[in-house]
Amino acid sequence: MSRLPAAIALVAAFGAAQAHAQVPERHALAPSTLFVQLGAAEHARTVAAGATWDWRWKRRFALGAASGYWEASIGRWSSDREAGNTSAIVTQVGLTPVFRLQPASWDASWFVEGAIGVNLLLPIYENRDKRFSTTFNFGDHLAVGRSFGSGGRHEVALRVQHFSNAGIRHPNPGEDFVQLRYSARL
């Protein structure tokens, strides 16, 4: 039995407890949010959890309010190797700087974001149609989301994420996931 679902439940429980705690000051290394996400590709599924750290950088432009955060994640990919007969499990560990925009013409609770980060996929990812050639890969995503709840402490986002090694080594087929993310602000 995999320990990842238990770890995700622990992260979610910690996030819920922290969201309700009355903490006067947050330590500089403490994360801003915790998240869980589920995703799917043509022949793969993914579940991930992680934390984010808000940047102090924020700017207002005519287009809207721009900001960003660092994201650290750990996930599990499960892929079909042969017509559904076997499954391959890959652990994904990533670090990503994320840029966020709250468009001026939208309700303030909506946002869009984009990012390119680095990821390790251990062992090398393989499914019935594709085989990566490296464990080091880039992950880029585009997302649209909405904050809700008291003070916007909760968020949901729909993300499209692409993983590949950017041609460092061949073959480089890449994998595309559609993901749903829930985040809780601490």
Foldseek 3Di string as FASTA:
>chain_A
DDCVVVVQVVQVVVLVVVLPDDDPDDPQPDFFKKKWKWKDFPFKIKIKIWTKHWDPDWDADLQFIKTWIKIWMKMWMWGAAPPNPDIDIKIKTWIKIKMKGQGPVDDNFKIKIKIKIKMFIPPFDHHNVDTAPHRIKIKIKIKIKGFDDDVSQKMKIWMKMKIWRVPPDPPTPITIMTMIMMMGGD
